[in-house]
Amino acid sequence: MSALQGLTHLAASPAVTQVHASGGPGPVLRTVVLLSLIGVPLVAYLLLRGYRRDKD
């Protein structure tokens, strides 16, 4: 079995098609929300870090 035949067999499996058929914006929306929940505080920290005043 060549590698190409193995990939087409995987794409045609019922488990993969069932996950793909349920689809919708769920997985993409979940990824965007998760990345924004992590990214926004990180960017805010990096930007506000430069405005901190040192008390020497």
N, C-alpha and C. Protein backbone atom coordinates (compact mmCIF):
# COMPACT_ATOMS: atom_id res chain seq x y z
N MET A 1 0.85 -1.18 0.00
CA MET A 1 0.00 0.00 0.00
C MET A 1 0.89 1.23 0.00
N SER A 2 0.67 2.11 -0.93
CA SER A 2 1.47 3.32 -0.99
C SER A 2 0.95 4.34 0.02
N ALA A 3 1.73 5.37 0.26
CA ALA A 3 1.35 6.39 1.23
C ALA A 3 0.09 7.12 0.78
N LEU A 4 -0.07 7.34 -0.51
CA LEU A 4 -1.24 8.03 -1.01
C LEU A 4 -2.51 7.22 -0.79
N GLN A 5 -2.43 5.92 -0.99
CA GLN A 5 -3.59 5.07 -0.75
C GLN A 5 -3.95 5.05 0.73
N GLY A 6 -2.96 5.11 1.60
CA GLY A 6 -3.22 5.13 3.03
C GLY A 6 -3.94 6.40 3.45
N LEU A 7 -3.57 7.53 2.85
CA LEU A 7 -4.22 8.79 3.19
C LEU A 7 -5.65 8.84 2.68
N THR A 8 -5.89 8.30 1.49
CA THR A 8 -7.26 8.31 0.99
C THR A 8 -8.12 7.36 1.80
N HIS A 9 -7.57 6.28 2.29
CA HIS A 9 -8.32 5.35 3.13
C HIS A 9 -8.67 6.03 4.45
N LEU A 10 -7.76 6.81 5.00
CA LEU A 10 -8.02 7.51 6.25
C LEU A 10 -9.10 8.57 6.05
N ALA A 11 -9.05 9.29 4.95
CA ALA A 11 -10.04 10.34 4.70
C ALA A 11 -11.43 9.76 4.48
N ALA A 12 -11.52 8.51 4.03
CA ALA A 12 -12.81 7.90 3.76
C ALA A 12 -13.35 7.13 4.97
N SER A 13 -12.63 7.12 6.07
CA SER A 13 -13.10 6.36 7.24
C SER A 13 -14.32 7.03 7.85
N PRO A 14 -15.23 6.26 8.40
CA PRO A 14 -16.47 6.83 8.97
C PRO A 14 -16.21 7.79 10.13
N ALA A 15 -15.19 7.56 10.92
CA ALA A 15 -14.93 8.45 12.06
C ALA A 15 -14.54 9.84 11.58
N VAL A 16 -13.72 9.91 10.55
CA VAL A 16 -13.29 11.21 10.04
C VAL A 16 -14.45 11.94 9.37
N THR A 17 -15.25 11.22 8.59
CA THR A 17 -16.36 11.87 7.91
C THR A 17 -17.44 12.28 8.90
N GLN A 18 -17.62 11.55 9.99
CA GLN A 18 -18.61 11.92 10.99
C GLN A 18 -18.20 13.21 11.70
N VAL A 19 -16.94 13.33 12.05
CA VAL A 19 -16.45 14.56 12.69
C VAL A 19 -16.57 15.73 11.73
N HIS A 20 -16.23 15.50 10.47
CA HIS A 20 -16.30 16.57 9.48
C HIS A 20 -17.75 16.96 9.19
N ALA A 21 -18.67 16.00 9.19
CA ALA A 21 -20.06 16.28 8.88
C ALA A 21 -20.72 17.10 9.99
N SER A 22 -20.32 16.89 11.24
CA SER A 22 -20.91 17.66 12.34
C SER A 22 -20.45 19.10 12.26
N GLY A 23 -19.24 19.31 11.81
CA GLY A 23 -18.61 20.58 11.47
C GLY A 23 -19.21 21.84 12.06
N GLY A 24 -19.53 22.76 11.19
CA GLY A 24 -20.00 24.05 11.63
C GLY A 24 -18.85 24.91 12.12
N PRO A 25 -19.17 26.04 12.72
CA PRO A 25 -18.12 26.95 13.18
C PRO A 25 -17.53 26.54 14.53
N GLY A 26 -17.98 25.46 15.12
CA GLY A 26 -17.55 25.06 16.46
C GLY A 26 -16.06 24.96 16.67
N PRO A 27 -15.36 24.11 15.95
CA PRO A 27 -13.91 23.98 16.18
C PRO A 27 -13.13 25.24 15.87
N VAL A 28 -13.51 25.94 14.82
CA VAL A 28 -12.80 27.17 14.45
C VAL A 28 -13.07 28.25 15.49
N LEU A 29 -14.32 28.39 15.89
CA LEU A 29 -14.68 29.40 16.88
C LEU A 29 -14.02 29.11 18.22
N ARG A 30 -13.96 27.85 18.59
CA ARG A 30 -13.31 27.46 19.85
C ARG A 30 -11.83 27.81 19.82
N THR A 31 -11.18 27.61 18.67
CA THR A 31 -9.76 27.93 18.54
C THR A 31 -9.53 29.43 18.61
N VAL A 32 -10.38 30.20 17.95
CA VAL A 32 -10.24 31.66 17.96
C VAL A 32 -10.43 32.21 19.37
N VAL A 33 -11.44 31.72 20.08
CA VAL A 33 -11.69 32.19 21.44
C VAL A 33 -10.53 31.82 22.36
N LEU A 34 -10.04 30.61 22.24
CA LEU A 34 -8.93 30.16 23.08
C LEU A 34 -7.68 31.00 22.82
N LEU A 35 -7.35 31.23 21.56
CA LEU A 35 -6.17 32.02 21.25
C LEU A 35 -6.32 33.47 21.69
N SER A 36 -7.54 34.01 21.60
CA SER A 36 -7.73 35.38 22.05
C SER A 36 -7.65 35.49 23.56
N LEU A 37 -8.14 34.48 24.28
CA LEU A 37 -8.05 34.50 25.74
C LEU A 37 -6.60 34.41 26.22
N ILE A 38 -5.76 33.77 25.45
CA ILE A 38 -4.35 33.68 25.80
C ILE A 38 -3.58 34.89 25.25
N GLY A 39 -3.92 35.32 24.04
CA GLY A 39 -3.15 36.36 23.38
C GLY A 39 -3.37 37.76 23.89
N VAL A 40 -4.60 38.10 24.23
CA VAL A 40 -4.89 39.47 24.67
C VAL A 40 -4.14 39.81 25.96
N PRO A 41 -4.21 38.99 27.01
CA PRO A 41 -3.42 39.34 28.20
C PRO A 41 -1.91 39.35 27.95
N LEU A 42 -1.44 38.46 27.08
CA LEU A 42 -0.02 38.43 26.78
C LEU A 42 0.42 39.71 26.08
N VAL A 43 -0.33 40.16 25.10
CA VAL A 43 0.01 41.40 24.40
C VAL A 43 -0.11 42.59 25.33
N ALA A 44 -1.15 42.60 26.18
CA ALA A 44 -1.30 43.70 27.15
C ALA A 44 -0.11 43.75 28.10
N TYR A 45 0.33 42.59 28.56
CA TYR A 45 1.49 42.55 29.46
C TYR A 45 2.74 43.07 28.76
N LEU A 46 2.96 42.62 27.53
CA LEU A 46 4.16 43.05 26.81
C LEU A 46 4.14 44.54 26.52
N LEU A 47 2.97 45.09 26.20
CA LEU A 47 2.89 46.52 25.92
C LEU A 47 3.01 47.35 27.19
N LEU A 48 2.34 46.94 28.25
CA LEU A 48 2.35 47.73 29.48
C LEU A 48 3.65 47.57 30.26
N ARG A 49 4.40 46.54 29.98
CA ARG A 49 5.68 46.32 30.66
C ARG A 49 6.64 47.47 30.40
N GLY A 50 6.57 48.04 29.22
CA GLY A 50 7.46 49.13 28.87
C GLY A 50 7.12 50.44 29.57
N TYR A 51 5.91 50.58 30.09
CA TYR A 51 5.49 51.80 30.74
C TYR A 51 5.68 51.76 32.25
N ARG A 52 6.20 50.66 32.74
CA ARG A 52 6.43 50.54 34.18
C ARG A 52 7.56 51.48 34.61
N ARG A 53 7.36 52.14 35.71
CA ARG A 53 8.40 53.06 36.21
C ARG A 53 9.25 52.34 37.24
N ASP A 54 10.55 52.44 37.05
CA ASP A 54 11.47 51.83 37.99
C ASP A 54 11.68 52.78 39.17
N LYS A 55 11.66 52.24 40.37
CA LYS A 55 11.88 53.06 41.56
C LYS A 55 13.30 52.81 42.05
N ASP A 56 14.21 53.56 41.49
CA ASP A 56 15.63 53.40 41.86
C ASP A 56 16.02 54.39 42.93
